[in-house]
């Protein structure tokens, strides 16, 4: 499989791929908080489902009492009680 130039550069320079390639990074703390970096915006937002656009597809968070605690250009923090996190490609 051919690697993109940006992926080869990340490997060569020892830089994380998500920094150069704008790959989303999810940090999940138990079932109570998700930190999503490198997003492109919110597609859907209810208290049971949040869909976030990323360069690699859509991140779908499902659960109860979901709340967006913080949204900035580079990241989003979601809290609530999560039942599942999915990628839609």
N, C-alpha and C. Protein backbone atom coordinates (compact mmCIF):
# COMPACT_ATOMS: atom_id res chain seq x y z
N UNK A 1 0.84 -1.18 0.00
CA UNK A 1 0.00 0.00 0.00
C UNK A 1 0.88 1.24 0.00
N UNK A 2 0.61 2.19 -0.88
CA UNK A 2 1.41 3.40 -0.97
C UNK A 2 1.08 4.35 0.17
N UNK A 3 2.12 4.93 0.73
CA UNK A 3 1.93 5.93 1.77
C UNK A 3 1.88 7.31 1.14
N UNK A 4 1.06 8.17 1.71
CA UNK A 4 1.02 9.55 1.27
C UNK A 4 2.32 10.24 1.64
N UNK A 5 2.61 11.32 0.94
CA UNK A 5 3.81 12.09 1.23
C UNK A 5 3.79 12.57 2.68
N UNK A 6 2.64 13.05 3.14
CA UNK A 6 2.55 13.54 4.51
C UNK A 6 2.79 12.43 5.53
N UNK A 7 2.35 11.22 5.21
CA UNK A 7 2.57 10.09 6.12
C UNK A 7 4.04 9.70 6.15
N UNK A 8 4.69 9.72 5.00
CA UNK A 8 6.13 9.43 4.96
C UNK A 8 6.93 10.50 5.69
N UNK A 9 6.51 11.77 5.55
CA UNK A 9 7.18 12.86 6.26
C UNK A 9 7.04 12.70 7.76
N UNK A 10 5.84 12.34 8.22
CA UNK A 10 5.62 12.13 9.65
C UNK A 10 6.51 11.02 10.18
N UNK A 11 6.62 9.92 9.41
CA UNK A 11 7.49 8.81 9.80
C UNK A 11 8.94 9.25 9.86
N UNK A 12 9.39 9.96 8.83
CA UNK A 12 10.78 10.38 8.75
C UNK A 12 11.16 11.37 9.85
N UNK A 13 10.28 12.28 10.16
CA UNK A 13 10.58 13.33 11.15
C UNK A 13 10.22 12.93 12.57
N UNK A 14 9.55 11.79 12.72
CA UNK A 14 9.15 11.35 14.05
C UNK A 14 8.04 12.18 14.66
N UNK A 15 7.24 12.81 13.80
CA UNK A 15 6.12 13.64 14.25
C UNK A 15 4.86 12.79 14.22
N UNK A 16 3.97 12.93 15.21
CA UNK A 16 2.71 12.16 15.17
C UNK A 16 1.93 12.43 13.89
N UNK A 17 1.39 11.37 13.30
CA UNK A 17 0.68 11.49 12.03
C UNK A 17 -0.55 12.39 12.12
N UNK A 18 -1.21 12.41 13.29
CA UNK A 18 -2.41 13.24 13.41
C UNK A 18 -2.09 14.72 13.29
N UNK A 19 -0.86 15.10 13.61
CA UNK A 19 -0.47 16.51 13.50
C UNK A 19 -0.32 16.93 12.05
N UNK A 20 0.37 16.14 11.26
CA UNK A 20 0.62 16.48 9.86
C UNK A 20 -0.56 16.16 8.96
N UNK A 21 -1.24 15.05 9.20
CA UNK A 21 -2.27 14.57 8.28
C UNK A 21 -3.68 14.98 8.68
N UNK A 22 -3.84 15.72 9.76
CA UNK A 22 -5.16 16.17 10.23
C UNK A 22 -6.07 14.99 10.57
N UNK A 23 -5.47 13.91 11.07
CA UNK A 23 -6.22 12.73 11.48
C UNK A 23 -6.88 13.02 12.83
N UNK A 24 -8.15 12.64 13.00
CA UNK A 24 -8.79 12.89 14.29
C UNK A 24 -8.15 12.05 15.40
N UNK A 25 -8.08 12.64 16.58
CA UNK A 25 -7.58 11.92 17.75
C UNK A 25 -8.68 11.95 18.79
N UNK A 26 -9.06 10.77 19.27
CA UNK A 26 -10.08 10.66 20.31
C UNK A 26 -9.43 10.18 21.59
N UNK A 27 -9.71 10.86 22.67
CA UNK A 27 -9.28 10.43 23.98
C UNK A 27 -10.54 10.18 24.79
N UNK A 28 -10.75 8.93 25.19
CA UNK A 28 -11.96 8.55 25.91
C UNK A 28 -11.59 8.25 27.35
N UNK A 29 -12.25 8.94 28.26
CA UNK A 29 -12.03 8.72 29.69
C UNK A 29 -13.23 7.96 30.25
N UNK A 30 -13.09 6.64 30.33
CA UNK A 30 -14.18 5.80 30.81
C UNK A 30 -15.40 5.93 29.92
N UNK A 31 -16.56 6.03 30.57
CA UNK A 31 -17.80 6.22 29.79
C UNK A 31 -18.40 7.59 30.07
N UNK A 32 -17.55 8.56 30.49
CA UNK A 32 -18.06 9.86 30.91
C UNK A 32 -17.57 11.05 30.09
N UNK A 33 -16.41 10.93 29.41
CA UNK A 33 -15.89 12.09 28.68
C UNK A 33 -15.10 11.65 27.44
N UNK A 34 -15.31 12.37 26.33
CA UNK A 34 -14.56 12.14 25.10
C UNK A 34 -13.99 13.48 24.64
N UNK A 35 -12.71 13.46 24.31
CA UNK A 35 -12.00 14.63 23.81
C UNK A 35 -11.65 14.32 22.36
N UNK A 36 -12.15 15.11 21.41
CA UNK A 36 -11.93 14.88 19.98
C UNK A 36 -11.13 16.04 19.41
N UNK A 37 -9.96 15.73 18.86
CA UNK A 37 -9.12 16.74 18.22
C UNK A 37 -9.23 16.61 16.70
N UNK A 38 -8.95 17.69 15.99
CA UNK A 38 -8.94 17.72 14.52
C UNK A 38 -10.31 17.43 13.92
N UNK A 39 -11.33 18.10 14.39
CA UNK A 39 -12.67 17.92 13.85
C UNK A 39 -12.97 18.98 12.79
N UNK A 40 -14.05 18.77 12.05
CA UNK A 40 -14.49 19.72 11.03
C UNK A 40 -15.87 20.30 11.33
N UNK A 41 -16.43 19.97 12.50
CA UNK A 41 -17.72 20.54 12.87
C UNK A 41 -18.72 19.50 13.32
N UNK A 42 -19.81 20.01 13.87
CA UNK A 42 -20.90 19.17 14.37
C UNK A 42 -21.94 18.99 13.27
N UNK A 43 -22.33 17.74 13.04
CA UNK A 43 -23.35 17.44 12.04
C UNK A 43 -24.72 17.25 12.69
N UNK A 44 -24.73 16.65 13.87
CA UNK A 44 -25.99 16.37 14.57
C UNK A 44 -25.72 16.41 16.07
N UNK A 45 -26.68 16.94 16.82
CA UNK A 45 -26.49 17.07 18.26
C UNK A 45 -27.82 16.91 18.98
N UNK A 46 -27.99 15.79 19.67
CA UNK A 46 -29.13 15.59 20.57
C UNK A 46 -28.56 15.07 21.88
N UNK A 47 -29.42 14.86 22.86
CA UNK A 47 -28.93 14.36 24.15
C UNK A 47 -28.65 12.85 24.12
N UNK A 48 -28.93 12.18 22.98
CA UNK A 48 -28.65 10.75 22.85
C UNK A 48 -27.66 10.43 21.72
N UNK A 49 -27.38 11.40 20.84
CA UNK A 49 -26.45 11.14 19.73
C UNK A 49 -25.79 12.44 19.27
N UNK A 50 -24.47 12.36 19.09
CA UNK A 50 -23.72 13.50 18.55
C UNK A 50 -22.87 12.96 17.41
N UNK A 51 -22.96 13.60 16.24
CA UNK A 51 -22.16 13.22 15.08
C UNK A 51 -21.22 14.36 14.74
N UNK A 52 -19.92 14.04 14.66
CA UNK A 52 -18.87 15.02 14.42
C UNK A 52 -18.17 14.67 13.11
N UNK A 53 -18.02 15.67 12.23
CA UNK A 53 -17.32 15.47 10.97
C UNK A 53 -15.81 15.57 11.20
N UNK A 54 -15.07 14.67 10.55
CA UNK A 54 -13.60 14.70 10.59
C UNK A 54 -13.08 14.44 9.18
N UNK A 55 -11.80 14.62 8.99
CA UNK A 55 -11.18 14.38 7.68
C UNK A 55 -11.27 12.91 7.27
N UNK A 56 -11.44 12.00 8.22
CA UNK A 56 -11.48 10.57 7.93
C UNK A 56 -12.89 10.00 7.93
N UNK A 57 -13.89 10.84 8.12
CA UNK A 57 -15.27 10.37 8.17
C UNK A 57 -16.01 11.02 9.32
N UNK A 58 -17.01 10.32 9.83
CA UNK A 58 -17.86 10.87 10.88
C UNK A 58 -17.67 10.06 12.16
N UNK A 59 -17.49 10.75 13.27
CA UNK A 59 -17.44 10.10 14.58
C UNK A 59 -18.84 10.24 15.18
N UNK A 60 -19.43 9.13 15.55
CA UNK A 60 -20.79 9.10 16.11
C UNK A 60 -20.71 8.63 17.56
N UNK A 61 -21.18 9.47 18.47
CA UNK A 61 -21.19 9.15 19.89
C UNK A 61 -22.64 8.95 20.30
N UNK A 62 -22.95 7.80 20.89
CA UNK A 62 -24.31 7.50 21.34
C UNK A 62 -24.31 7.27 22.84
N UNK A 63 -25.41 7.62 23.49
CA UNK A 63 -25.53 7.41 24.92
C UNK A 63 -26.69 8.18 25.50
N UNK A 64 -26.56 8.58 26.77
CA UNK A 64 -27.60 9.34 27.46
C UNK A 64 -27.01 10.62 28.04
N UNK A 65 -27.83 11.65 28.09
CA UNK A 65 -27.43 12.93 28.69
C UNK A 65 -26.15 13.49 28.09
N UNK A 66 -26.01 13.38 26.76
CA UNK A 66 -24.81 13.87 26.09
C UNK A 66 -24.84 15.39 26.02
N UNK A 67 -23.69 15.99 26.32
CA UNK A 67 -23.55 17.44 26.34
C UNK A 67 -22.20 17.79 25.74
N UNK A 68 -22.17 18.83 24.91
CA UNK A 68 -20.89 19.35 24.42
C UNK A 68 -20.42 20.37 25.45
N UNK A 69 -19.39 20.00 26.20
CA UNK A 69 -18.87 20.87 27.26
C UNK A 69 -18.05 22.03 26.70
N UNK A 70 -17.32 21.74 25.62
CA UNK A 70 -16.47 22.78 25.02
C UNK A 70 -16.30 22.47 23.54
N UNK A 71 -16.33 23.52 22.74
CA UNK A 71 -16.03 23.38 21.32
C UNK A 71 -15.14 24.54 20.91
N UNK A 72 -14.03 24.19 20.29
CA UNK A 72 -13.10 25.18 19.74
C UNK A 72 -12.74 24.73 18.33
N UNK A 73 -12.01 25.54 17.62
CA UNK A 73 -11.63 25.18 16.25
C UNK A 73 -10.89 23.85 16.19
N UNK A 74 -10.07 23.57 17.19
CA UNK A 74 -9.23 22.37 17.12
C UNK A 74 -9.77 21.18 17.92
N UNK A 75 -10.71 21.41 18.84
CA UNK A 75 -11.17 20.28 19.65
C UNK A 75 -12.60 20.44 20.17
N UNK A 76 -13.15 19.31 20.59
CA UNK A 76 -14.49 19.25 21.19
C UNK A 76 -14.40 18.33 22.40
N UNK A 77 -15.07 18.69 23.48
CA UNK A 77 -15.18 17.82 24.66
C UNK A 77 -16.65 17.49 24.86
N UNK A 78 -16.96 16.19 24.89
CA UNK A 78 -18.32 15.71 25.07
C UNK A 78 -18.39 14.94 26.38
N UNK A 79 -19.43 15.20 27.16
CA UNK A 79 -19.62 14.42 28.39
C UNK A 79 -21.02 13.81 28.38
N UNK A 80 -21.21 12.83 29.24
CA UNK A 80 -22.48 12.13 29.35
C UNK A 80 -22.21 10.69 29.72
N UNK A 81 -23.15 9.84 29.45
CA UNK A 81 -23.00 8.40 29.70
C UNK A 81 -23.01 7.71 28.33
N UNK A 82 -21.86 7.27 27.87
CA UNK A 82 -21.71 6.73 26.51
C UNK A 82 -22.05 5.25 26.45
N UNK A 83 -22.78 4.87 25.40
CA UNK A 83 -23.04 3.45 25.16
C UNK A 83 -22.17 2.93 24.02
N UNK A 84 -21.83 3.83 23.06
CA UNK A 84 -20.93 3.40 21.97
C UNK A 84 -20.37 4.62 21.24
N UNK A 85 -19.22 4.40 20.61
CA UNK A 85 -18.57 5.39 19.77
C UNK A 85 -18.25 4.68 18.46
N UNK A 86 -18.69 5.26 17.33
CA UNK A 86 -18.52 4.61 16.03
C UNK A 86 -17.90 5.56 15.02
N UNK A 87 -17.26 4.95 14.01
CA UNK A 87 -16.80 5.72 12.84
C UNK A 87 -17.73 5.40 11.68
N UNK A 88 -18.17 6.41 10.98
CA UNK A 88 -18.93 6.24 9.74
C UNK A 88 -18.01 6.71 8.62
N UNK A 89 -17.65 5.79 7.75
CA UNK A 89 -16.72 6.15 6.67
C UNK A 89 -17.47 6.24 5.36
